[in-house]
Amino acid sequence: MAFYLKRAYQDSEDVHIINDLRLTENGDVAQIDHLIFHRFGFIIVESKSVTTELSVNDHGEWTRLYKNKQNGIASPIKQAERQADFLEKYLCIRSRALLIKS
């Protein structure tokens, strides 16, 4: 995914990408696979490497077929939502320091 994002936006002055971002705050950790900044905000991309069949039921539960067995996996959508919440709090805590010009 990092390769494709770089390829798509490498010449853009309006889009900046951070891959594999790890943030910590008060013992809590968020690991964001891809954070895309643009002039309207940011997008969090949670990437998974799955080569088997995936399915999502009506309750939003994700499963994958592996060795002819259905195995539950964490929802990348919910994971990205938690990362967005963490990032928002992280930036709010540091907003004053981020806005001070040196």
PDB file of N, CA and C in Angstrom:
ATOM      1  N   MET A   1       0.827  -1.182   0.000  1.00  0.00           N
ATOM      2  CA  MET A   1       0.000   0.000   0.000  1.00  0.00           C
ATOM      3  C   MET A   1       0.878   1.256   0.000  1.00  0.00           C
ATOM      4  N   ALA A   2       1.937   1.250   0.792  1.00  0.00           N
ATOM      5  CA  ALA A   2       2.836   2.410   0.827  1.00  0.00           C
ATOM      6  C   ALA A   2       3.386   2.701  -0.569  1.00  0.00           C
ATOM      7  N   PHE A   3       3.745   1.665  -1.286  1.00  0.00           N
ATOM      8  CA  PHE A   3       4.266   1.829  -2.644  1.00  0.00           C
ATOM      9  C   PHE A   3       3.232   2.506  -3.541  1.00  0.00           C
ATOM     10  N   TYR A   4       1.990   2.051  -3.490  1.00  0.00           N
ATOM     11  CA  TYR A   4       0.946   2.597  -4.346  1.00  0.00           C
ATOM     12  C   TYR A   4       0.588   4.033  -3.970  1.00  0.00           C
ATOM     13  N   LEU A   5       0.570   4.320  -2.672  1.00  0.00           N
ATOM     14  CA  LEU A   5       0.299   5.688  -2.244  1.00  0.00           C
ATOM     15  C   LEU A   5       1.410   6.634  -2.689  1.00  0.00           C
ATOM     16  N   LYS A   6       2.653   6.188  -2.543  1.00  0.00           N
ATOM     17  CA  LYS A   6       3.776   7.016  -2.985  1.00  0.00           C
ATOM     18  C   LYS A   6       3.697   7.259  -4.487  1.00  0.00           C
ATOM     19  N   ARG A   7       3.423   6.218  -5.207  1.00  0.00           N
ATOM     20  CA  ARG A   7       3.327   6.309  -6.667  1.00  0.00           C
ATOM     21  C   ARG A   7       2.220   7.273  -7.092  1.00  0.00           C
ATOM     22  N   ALA A   8       1.104   7.235  -6.407  1.00  0.00           N
ATOM     23  CA  ALA A   8      -0.038   8.067  -6.763  1.00  0.00           C
ATOM     24  C   ALA A   8       0.170   9.541  -6.406  1.00  0.00           C
ATOM     25  N   TYR A   9       0.892   9.807  -5.308  1.00  0.00           N
ATOM     26  CA  TYR A   9       0.960  11.178  -4.799  1.00  0.00           C
ATOM     27  C   TYR A   9       2.363  11.771  -4.725  1.00  0.00           C
ATOM     28  N   GLN A  10       3.351  11.119  -5.258  1.00  0.00           N
ATOM     29  CA  GLN A  10       4.725  11.582  -5.104  1.00  0.00           C
ATOM     30  C   GLN A  10       4.960  12.970  -5.709  1.00  0.00           C
ATOM     31  N   ASP A  11       4.212  13.340  -6.719  1.00  0.00           N
ATOM     32  CA  ASP A  11       4.398  14.642  -7.356  1.00  0.00           C
ATOM     33  C   ASP A  11       3.413  15.699  -6.858  1.00  0.00           C
ATOM     34  N   SER A  12       2.599  15.352  -5.894  1.00  0.00           N
ATOM     35  CA  SER A  12       1.583  16.270  -5.395  1.00  0.00           C
ATOM     36  C   SER A  12       2.152  17.177  -4.305  1.00  0.00           C
ATOM     37  N   GLU A  13       1.853  18.452  -4.419  1.00  0.00           N
ATOM     38  CA  GLU A  13       2.237  19.397  -3.365  1.00  0.00           C
ATOM     39  C   GLU A  13       1.135  19.506  -2.314  1.00  0.00           C
ATOM     40  N   ASP A  14      -0.050  18.965  -2.627  1.00  0.00           N
ATOM     41  CA  ASP A  14      -1.200  19.086  -1.732  1.00  0.00           C
ATOM     42  C   ASP A  14      -1.427  17.868  -0.855  1.00  0.00           C
ATOM     43  N   VAL A  15      -0.743  16.773  -1.157  1.00  0.00           N
ATOM     44  CA  VAL A  15      -0.957  15.528  -0.412  1.00  0.00           C
ATOM     45  C   VAL A  15       0.379  15.058   0.154  1.00  0.00           C
ATOM     46  N   HIS A  16       0.367  14.756   1.448  1.00  0.00           N
ATOM     47  CA  HIS A  16       1.560  14.234   2.116  1.00  0.00           C
ATOM     48  C   HIS A  16       1.174  12.960   2.853  1.00  0.00           C
ATOM     49  N   ILE A  17       2.058  11.977   2.815  1.00  0.00           N
ATOM     50  CA  ILE A  17       1.755  10.666   3.378  1.00  0.00           C
ATOM     51  C   ILE A  17       2.800  10.283   4.407  1.00  0.00           C
ATOM     52  N   ILE A  18       2.321   9.790   5.529  1.00  0.00           N
ATOM     53  CA  ILE A  18       3.192   9.201   6.555  1.00  0.00           C
ATOM     54  C   ILE A  18       2.800   7.741   6.657  1.00  0.00           C
ATOM     55  N   ASN A  19       3.769   6.858   6.498  1.00  0.00           N
ATOM     56  CA  ASN A  19       3.527   5.423   6.610  1.00  0.00           C
ATOM     57  C   ASN A  19       4.070   4.908   7.933  1.00  0.00           C
ATOM     58  N   ASP A  20       3.357   3.962   8.512  1.00  0.00           N
ATOM     59  CA  ASP A  20       3.775   3.285   9.745  1.00  0.00           C
ATOM     60  C   ASP A  20       4.051   4.279  10.871  1.00  0.00           C
ATOM     61  N   LEU A  21       3.044   5.058  11.197  1.00  0.00           N
ATOM     62  CA  LEU A  21       3.136   6.064  12.257  1.00  0.00           C
ATOM     63  C   LEU A  21       2.747   5.427  13.592  1.00  0.00           C
ATOM     64  N   ARG A  22       3.595   5.596  14.576  1.00  0.00           N
ATOM     65  CA  ARG A  22       3.336   5.063  15.924  1.00  0.00           C
ATOM     66  C   ARG A  22       3.322   6.229  16.903  1.00  0.00           C
ATOM     67  N   LEU A  23       2.213   6.362  17.621  1.00  0.00           N
ATOM     68  CA  LEU A  23       2.048   7.436  18.593  1.00  0.00           C
ATOM     69  C   LEU A  23       1.769   6.832  19.960  1.00  0.00           C
ATOM     70  N   THR A  24       2.294   7.460  20.997  1.00  0.00           N
ATOM     71  CA  THR A  24       2.028   7.014  22.364  1.00  0.00           C
ATOM     72  C   THR A  24       1.559   8.191  23.200  1.00  0.00           C
ATOM     73  N   GLU A  25       0.664   7.904  24.112  1.00  0.00           N
ATOM     74  CA  GLU A  25       0.145   8.919  25.024  1.00  0.00           C
ATOM     75  C   GLU A  25      -0.332   8.227  26.290  1.00  0.00           C
ATOM     76  N   ASN A  26       0.303   8.558  27.419  1.00  0.00           N
ATOM     77  CA  ASN A  26      -0.080   8.000  28.718  1.00  0.00           C
ATOM     78  C   ASN A  26      -0.188   6.478  28.699  1.00  0.00           C
ATOM     79  N   GLY A  27       0.770   5.813  28.079  1.00  0.00           N
ATOM     80  CA  GLY A  27       0.799   4.361  28.035  1.00  0.00           C
ATOM     81  C   GLY A  27      -0.079   3.747  26.961  1.00  0.00           C
ATOM     82  N   ASP A  28      -0.876   4.554  26.283  1.00  0.00           N
ATOM     83  CA  ASP A  28      -1.712   4.068  25.190  1.00  0.00           C
ATOM     84  C   ASP A  28      -0.940   4.241  23.885  1.00  0.00           C
ATOM     85  N   VAL A  29      -1.153   3.338  22.949  1.00  0.00           N
ATOM     86  CA  VAL A  29      -0.402   3.356  21.692  1.00  0.00           C
ATOM     87  C   VAL A  29      -1.368   3.247  20.518  1.00  0.00           C
ATOM     88  N   ALA A  30      -1.073   4.005  19.469  1.00  0.00           N
ATOM     89  CA  ALA A  30      -1.790   3.857  18.206  1.00  0.00           C
ATOM     90  C   ALA A  30      -0.750   3.662  17.117  1.00  0.00           C
ATOM     91  N   GLN A  31      -0.967   2.673  16.287  1.00  0.00           N
ATOM     92  CA  GLN A  31      -0.085   2.425  15.143  1.00  0.00           C
ATOM     93  C   GLN A  31      -0.952   2.587  13.905  1.00  0.00           C
ATOM     94  N   ILE A  32      -0.631   3.617  13.121  1.00  0.00           N
ATOM     95  CA  ILE A  32      -1.412   3.942  11.933  1.00  0.00           C
ATOM     96  C   ILE A  32      -0.608   3.515  10.710  1.00  0.00           C
ATOM     97  N   ASP A  33      -1.193   2.653   9.898  1.00  0.00           N
ATOM     98  CA  ASP A  33      -0.477   2.148   8.725  1.00  0.00           C
ATOM     99  C   ASP A  33      -0.144   3.262   7.743  1.00  0.00           C
ATOM    100  N   HIS A  34      -1.143   4.074   7.393  1.00  0.00           N
ATOM    101  CA  HIS A  34      -0.933   5.133   6.403  1.00  0.00           C
ATOM    102  C   HIS A  34      -1.796   6.329   6.793  1.00  0.00           C
ATOM    103  N   LEU A  35      -1.169   7.481   6.943  1.00  0.00           N
ATOM    104  CA  LEU A  35      -1.881   8.715   7.256  1.00  0.00           C
ATOM    105  C   LEU A  35      -1.677   9.668   6.088  1.00  0.00           C
ATOM    106  N   ILE A  36      -2.771  10.020   5.444  1.00  0.00           N
ATOM    107  CA  ILE A  36      -2.722  10.875   4.264  1.00  0.00           C
ATOM    108  C   ILE A  36      -3.240  12.254   4.653  1.00  0.00           C
ATOM    109  N   PHE A  37      -2.378  13.266   4.531  1.00  0.00           N
ATOM    110  CA  PHE A  37      -2.753  14.651   4.796  1.00  0.00           C
ATOM    111  C   PHE A  37      -3.057  15.354   3.484  1.00  0.00           C
ATOM    112  N   HIS A  38      -4.122  16.139   3.490  1.00  0.00           N
ATOM    113  CA  HIS A  38      -4.427  16.983   2.342  1.00  0.00           C
ATOM    114  C   HIS A  38      -5.028  18.268   2.894  1.00  0.00           C
ATOM    115  N   ARG A  39      -5.316  19.225   2.049  1.00  0.00           N
ATOM    116  CA  ARG A  39      -5.728  20.537   2.546  1.00  0.00           C
ATOM    117  C   ARG A  39      -7.077  20.529   3.255  1.00  0.00           C
ATOM    118  N   PHE A  40      -7.859  19.480   3.117  1.00  0.00           N
ATOM    119  CA  PHE A  40      -9.157  19.399   3.769  1.00  0.00           C
ATOM    120  C   PHE A  40      -9.131  18.558   5.053  1.00  0.00           C
ATOM    121  N   GLY A  41      -7.989  17.986   5.396  1.00  0.00           N
ATOM    122  CA  GLY A  41      -7.896  17.160   6.590  1.00  0.00           C
ATOM    123  C   GLY A  41      -6.978  15.983   6.375  1.00  0.00           C
ATOM    124  N   PHE A  42      -7.377  14.860   6.918  1.00  0.00           N
ATOM    125  CA  PHE A  42      -6.550  13.673   6.760  1.00  0.00           C
ATOM    126  C   PHE A  42      -7.415  12.439   6.605  1.00  0.00           C
ATOM    127  N   ILE A  43      -6.773  11.390   6.092  1.00  0.00           N
ATOM    128  CA  ILE A  43      -7.420  10.091   5.905  1.00  0.00           C
ATOM    129  C   ILE A  43      -6.525   9.034   6.522  1.00  0.00           C
ATOM    130  N   ILE A  44      -7.109   8.148   7.280  1.00  0.00           N
ATOM    131  CA  ILE A  44      -6.378   7.019   7.848  1.00  0.00           C
ATOM    132  C   ILE A  44      -6.691   5.799   7.002  1.00  0.00           C
ATOM    133  N   VAL A  45      -5.639   5.111   6.563  1.00  0.00           N
ATOM    134  CA  VAL A  45      -5.804   3.887   5.784  1.00  0.00           C
ATOM    135  C   VAL A  45      -5.214   2.741   6.594  1.00  0.00           C
ATOM    136  N   GLU A  46      -6.040   1.794   6.932  1.00  0.00           N
ATOM    137  CA  GLU A  46      -5.602   0.582   7.622  1.00  0.00           C
ATOM    138  C   GLU A  46      -5.470  -0.504   6.573  1.00  0.00           C
ATOM    139  N   SER A  47      -4.268  -0.990   6.356  1.00  0.00           N
ATOM    140  CA  SER A  47      -4.083  -1.999   5.312  1.00  0.00           C
ATOM    141  C   SER A  47      -3.877  -3.374   5.926  1.00  0.00           C
ATOM    142  N   LYS A  48      -4.425  -4.349   5.264  1.00  0.00           N
ATOM    143  CA  LYS A  48      -4.294  -5.749   5.670  1.00  0.00           C
ATOM    144  C   LYS A  48      -3.767  -6.542   4.488  1.00  0.00           C
ATOM    145  N   SER A  49      -2.992  -7.552   4.777  1.00  0.00           N
ATOM    146  CA  SER A  49      -2.487  -8.436   3.727  1.00  0.00           C
ATOM    147  C   SER A  49      -3.197  -9.779   3.865  1.00  0.00           C
ATOM    148  N   VAL A  50      -4.243  -9.930   3.087  1.00  0.00           N
ATOM    149  CA  VAL A  50      -5.045 -11.144   3.142  1.00  0.00           C
ATOM    150  C   VAL A  50      -5.224 -11.657   1.719  1.00  0.00           C
ATOM    151  N   THR A  51      -4.871 -12.899   1.513  1.00  0.00           N
ATOM    152  CA  THR A  51      -4.994 -13.470   0.167  1.00  0.00           C
ATOM    153  C   THR A  51      -6.138 -14.468   0.071  1.00  0.00           C
ATOM    154  N   THR A  52      -6.892 -14.590   1.139  1.00  0.00           N
ATOM    155  CA  THR A  52      -8.005 -15.534   1.136  1.00  0.00           C
ATOM    156  C   THR A  52      -9.322 -14.779   1.069  1.00  0.00           C
ATOM    157  N   GLU A  53     -10.397 -15.513   1.086  1.00  0.00           N
ATOM    158  CA  GLU A  53     -11.726 -14.914   1.022  1.00  0.00           C
ATOM    159  C   GLU A  53     -12.062 -14.201   2.326  1.00  0.00           C
ATOM    160  N   LEU A  54     -12.599 -12.991   2.197  1.00  0.00           N
ATOM    161  CA  LEU A  54     -13.061 -12.212   3.350  1.00  0.00           C
ATOM    162  C   LEU A  54     -14.569 -12.081   3.284  1.00  0.00           C
ATOM    163  N   SER A  55     -15.178 -11.991   4.450  1.00  0.00           N
ATOM    164  CA  SER A  55     -16.610 -11.702   4.482  1.00  0.00           C
ATOM    165  C   SER A  55     -16.918 -10.844   5.703  1.00  0.00           C
ATOM    166  N   VAL A  56     -17.986 -10.073   5.588  1.00  0.00           N
ATOM    167  CA  VAL A  56     -18.461  -9.220   6.675  1.00  0.00           C
ATOM    168  C   VAL A  56     -19.952  -9.482   6.822  1.00  0.00           C
ATOM    169  N   ASN A  57     -20.371  -9.825   8.029  1.00  0.00           N
ATOM    170  CA  ASN A  57     -21.790 -10.120   8.224  1.00  0.00           C
ATOM    171  C   ASN A  57     -22.582  -8.842   8.518  1.00  0.00           C
ATOM    172  N   ASP A  58     -23.875  -8.993   8.747  1.00  0.00           N
ATOM    173  CA  ASP A  58     -24.760  -7.844   8.986  1.00  0.00           C
ATOM    174  C   ASP A  58     -24.420  -7.089  10.269  1.00  0.00           C
ATOM    175  N   HIS A  59     -23.667  -7.710  11.157  1.00  0.00           N
ATOM    176  CA  HIS A  59     -23.270  -7.079  12.417  1.00  0.00           C
ATOM    177  C   HIS A  59     -21.902  -6.404  12.312  1.00  0.00           C
ATOM    178  N   GLY A  60     -21.304  -6.420  11.126  1.00  0.00           N
ATOM    179  CA  GLY A  60     -19.996  -5.798  10.931  1.00  0.00           C
ATOM    180  C   GLY A  60     -18.839  -6.658  11.402  1.00  0.00           C
ATOM    181  N   GLU A  61     -19.094  -7.940  11.616  1.00  0.00           N
ATOM    182  CA  GLU A  61     -18.038  -8.860  12.050  1.00  0.00           C
ATOM    183  C   GLU A  61     -17.318  -9.416  10.827  1.00  0.00           C
ATOM    184  N   TRP A  62     -15.999  -9.363  10.871  1.00  0.00           N
ATOM    185  CA  TRP A  62     -15.168  -9.791   9.742  1.00  0.00           C
ATOM    186  C   TRP A  62     -14.662 -11.215   9.971  1.00  0.00           C
ATOM    187  N   THR A  63     -14.671 -12.017   8.908  1.00  0.00           N
ATOM    188  CA  THR A  63     -14.072 -13.353   8.952  1.00  0.00           C
ATOM    189  C   THR A  63     -13.284 -13.571   7.660  1.00  0.00           C
ATOM    190  N   ARG A  64     -12.324 -14.463   7.756  1.00  0.00           N
ATOM    191  CA  ARG A  64     -11.581 -14.854   6.559  1.00  0.00           C
ATOM    192  C   ARG A  64     -11.553 -16.367   6.499  1.00  0.00           C
ATOM    193  N   LEU A  65     -11.497 -16.867   5.300  1.00  0.00           N
ATOM    194  CA  LEU A  65     -11.397 -18.298   5.071  1.00  0.00           C
ATOM    195  C   LEU A  65      -9.914 -18.646   5.015  1.00  0.00           C
ATOM    196  N   TYR A  66      -9.483 -19.512   5.924  1.00  0.00           N
ATOM    197  CA  TYR A  66      -8.078 -19.914   5.966  1.00  0.00           C
ATOM    198  C   TYR A  66      -8.026 -21.413   6.236  1.00  0.00           C
ATOM    199  N   LYS A  67      -7.406 -22.145   5.343  1.00  0.00           N
ATOM    200  CA  LYS A  67      -7.333 -23.605   5.432  1.00  0.00           C
ATOM    201  C   LYS A  67      -8.722 -24.209   5.626  1.00  0.00           C
ATOM    202  N   ASN A  68      -9.653 -23.714   4.808  1.00  0.00           N
ATOM    203  CA  ASN A  68     -11.041 -24.194   4.809  1.00  0.00           C
ATOM    204  C   ASN A  68     -11.782 -23.962   6.124  1.00  0.00           C
ATOM    205  N   LYS A  69     -11.301 -23.018   6.939  1.00  0.00           N
ATOM    206  CA  LYS A  69     -11.979 -22.672   8.196  1.00  0.00           C
ATOM    207  C   LYS A  69     -12.231 -21.175   8.223  1.00  0.00           C
ATOM    208  N   GLN A  70     -13.369 -20.804   8.762  1.00  0.00           N
ATOM    209  CA  GLN A  70     -13.683 -19.392   8.957  1.00  0.00           C
ATOM    210  C   GLN A  70     -13.043 -18.934  10.270  1.00  0.00           C
ATOM    211  N   ASN A  71     -12.243 -17.883  10.197  1.00  0.00           N
ATOM    212  CA  ASN A  71     -11.598 -17.312  11.383  1.00  0.00           C
ATOM    213  C   ASN A  71     -11.983 -15.845  11.499  1.00  0.00           C
ATOM    214  N   GLY A  72     -12.378 -15.430  12.688  1.00  0.00           N
ATOM    215  CA  GLY A  72     -12.703 -14.032  12.915  1.00  0.00           C
ATOM    216  C   GLY A  72     -11.450 -13.170  12.893  1.00  0.00           C
ATOM    217  N   ILE A  73     -11.574 -11.988  12.344  1.00  0.00           N
ATOM    218  CA  ILE A  73     -10.469 -11.023  12.367  1.00  0.00           C
ATOM    219  C   ILE A  73     -11.023  -9.685  12.829  1.00  0.00           C
ATOM    220  N   ALA A  74     -10.144  -8.859  13.360  1.00  0.00           N
ATOM    221  CA  ALA A  74     -10.543  -7.529  13.816  1.00  0.00           C
ATOM    222  C   ALA A  74     -10.974  -6.684  12.619  1.00  0.00           C
ATOM    223  N   SER A  75     -11.986  -5.883  12.804  1.00  0.00           N
ATOM    224  CA  SER A  75     -12.481  -5.014  11.740  1.00  0.00           C
ATOM    225  C   SER A  75     -11.483  -3.890  11.477  1.00  0.00           C
ATOM    226  N   PRO A  76     -10.959  -3.788  10.266  1.00  0.00           N
ATOM    227  CA  PRO A  76     -10.055  -2.683   9.962  1.00  0.00           C
ATOM    228  C   PRO A  76     -10.779  -1.337   9.994  1.00  0.00           C
ATOM    229  N   ILE A  77     -12.080  -1.345   9.785  1.00  0.00           N
ATOM    230  CA  ILE A  77     -12.853  -0.102   9.859  1.00  0.00           C
ATOM    231  C   ILE A  77     -12.899   0.392  11.301  1.00  0.00           C
ATOM    232  N   LYS A  78     -13.222  -0.507  12.223  1.00  0.00           N
ATOM    233  CA  LYS A  78     -13.246  -0.134  13.646  1.00  0.00           C
ATOM    234  C   LYS A  78     -11.848   0.270  14.123  1.00  0.00           C
ATOM    235  N   GLN A  79     -10.824  -0.427  13.636  1.00  0.00           N
ATOM    236  CA  GLN A  79      -9.453  -0.099  14.012  1.00  0.00           C
ATOM    237  C   GLN A  79      -9.113   1.318  13.545  1.00  0.00           C
ATOM    238  N   ALA A  80      -9.468   1.670  12.323  1.00  0.00           N
ATOM    239  CA  ALA A  80      -9.207   3.019  11.811  1.00  0.00           C
ATOM    240  C   ALA A  80      -9.993   4.069  12.592  1.00  0.00           C
ATOM    241  N   GLU A  81     -11.203   3.734  13.005  1.00  0.00           N
ATOM    242  CA  GLU A  81     -12.000   4.665  13.819  1.00  0.00           C
ATOM    243  C   GLU A  81     -11.322   4.915  15.164  1.00  0.00           C
ATOM    244  N   ARG A  82     -10.812   3.856  15.794  1.00  0.00           N
ATOM    245  CA  ARG A  82     -10.101   4.024  17.069  1.00  0.00           C
ATOM    246  C   ARG A  82      -8.829   4.852  16.877  1.00  0.00           C
ATOM    247  N   GLN A  83      -8.139   4.622  15.776  1.00  0.00           N
ATOM    248  CA  GLN A  83      -6.926   5.385  15.484  1.00  0.00           C
ATOM    249  C   GLN A  83      -7.257   6.863  15.273  1.00  0.00           C
ATOM    250  N   ALA A  84      -8.362   7.140  14.592  1.00  0.00           N
ATOM    251  CA  ALA A  84      -8.783   8.525  14.375  1.00  0.00           C
ATOM    252  C   ALA A  84      -9.108   9.205  15.701  1.00  0.00           C
ATOM    253  N   ASP A  85      -9.801   8.502  16.589  1.00  0.00           N
ATOM    254  CA  ASP A  85     -10.108   9.046  17.913  1.00  0.00           C
ATOM    255  C   ASP A  85      -8.828   9.343  18.686  1.00  0.00           C
ATOM    256  N   PHE A  86      -7.897   8.401  18.648  1.00  0.00           N
ATOM    257  CA  PHE A  86      -6.623   8.577  19.342  1.00  0.00           C
ATOM    258  C   PHE A  86      -5.880   9.780  18.765  1.00  0.00           C
ATOM    259  N   LEU A  87      -5.806   9.872  17.433  1.00  0.00           N
ATOM    260  CA  LEU A  87      -5.087  10.958  16.780  1.00  0.00           C
ATOM    261  C   LEU A  87      -5.712  12.303  17.125  1.00  0.00           C
ATOM    262  N   GLU A  88      -7.031  12.362  17.149  1.00  0.00           N
ATOM    263  CA  GLU A  88      -7.714  13.617  17.503  1.00  0.00           C
ATOM    264  C   GLU A  88      -7.323  14.057  18.918  1.00  0.00           C
ATOM    265  N   LYS A  89      -7.378  13.149  19.876  1.00  0.00           N
ATOM    266  CA  LYS A  89      -6.999  13.472  21.253  1.00  0.00           C
ATOM    267  C   LYS A  89      -5.528  13.855  21.340  1.00  0.00           C
ATOM    268  N   TYR A  90      -4.691  13.106  20.635  1.00  0.00           N
ATOM    269  CA  TYR A  90      -3.251  13.356  20.618  1.00  0.00           C
ATOM    270  C   TYR A  90      -2.957  14.767  20.110  1.00  0.00           C
ATOM    271  N   LEU A  91      -3.614  15.162  19.033  1.00  0.00           N
ATOM    272  CA  LEU A  91      -3.392  16.491  18.459  1.00  0.00           C
ATOM    273  C   LEU A  91      -3.984  17.589  19.334  1.00  0.00           C
ATOM    274  N   CYS A  92      -5.120  17.332  19.962  1.00  0.00           N
ATOM    275  CA  CYS A  92      -5.716  18.324  20.864  1.00  0.00           C
ATOM    276  C   CYS A  92      -4.796  18.606  22.052  1.00  0.00           C
ATOM    277  N   ILE A  93      -4.213  17.562  22.603  1.00  0.00           N
ATOM    278  CA  ILE A  93      -3.291  17.725  23.730  1.00  0.00           C
ATOM    279  C   ILE A  93      -2.100  18.587  23.322  1.00  0.00           C
ATOM    280  N   ARG A  94      -1.665  18.453  22.088  1.00  0.00           N
ATOM    281  CA  ARG A  94      -0.480  19.162  21.605  1.00  0.00           C
ATOM    282  C   ARG A  94      -0.792  20.370  20.735  1.00  0.00           C
ATOM    283  N   SER A  95      -2.056  20.770  20.657  1.00  0.00           N
ATOM    284  CA  SER A  95      -2.440  21.824  19.727  1.00  0.00           C
ATOM    285  C   SER A  95      -1.705  23.132  19.980  1.00  0.00           C
ATOM    286  N   ARG A  96      -1.551  23.502  21.206  1.00  0.00           N
ATOM    287  CA  ARG A  96      -0.872  24.758  21.521  1.00  0.00           C
ATOM    288  C   ARG A  96       0.572  24.723  21.035  1.00  0.00           C
ATOM    289  N   ALA A  97       1.258  23.638  21.324  1.00  0.00           N
ATOM    290  CA  ALA A  97       2.666  23.514  20.903  1.00  0.00           C
ATOM    291  C   ALA A  97       2.780  23.453  19.375  1.00  0.00           C
ATOM    292  N   LEU A  98       1.811  22.845  18.735  1.00  0.00           N
ATOM    293  CA  LEU A  98       1.838  22.743  17.273  1.00  0.00           C
ATOM    294  C   LEU A  98       1.591  24.085  16.585  1.00  0.00           C
ATOM    295  N   LEU A  99       0.826  24.965  17.248  1.00  0.00           N
ATOM    296  CA  LEU A  99       0.481  26.238  16.648  1.00  0.00           C
ATOM    297  C   LEU A  99       1.474  27.356  16.939  1.00  0.00           C
ATOM    298  N   ILE A 100       2.351  27.158  17.897  1.00  0.00           N
ATOM    299  CA  ILE A 100       3.354  28.164  18.228  1.00  0.00           C
ATOM    300  C   ILE A 100       4.422  28.163  17.152  1.00  0.00           C
ATOM    301  N   LYS A 101       4.657  29.345  16.589  1.00  0.00           N
ATOM    302  CA  LYS A 101       5.681  29.476  15.558  1.00  0.00           C
ATOM    303  C   LYS A 101       7.018  29.776  16.214  1.00  0.00           C
ATOM    304  N   SER A 102       8.064  29.154  15.695  1.00  0.00           N
ATOM    305  CA  SER A 102       9.381  29.421  16.280  1.00  0.00           C
ATOM    306  C   SER A 102      10.141  30.412  15.445  1.00  0.00           C
TER     307      SER A 102
END
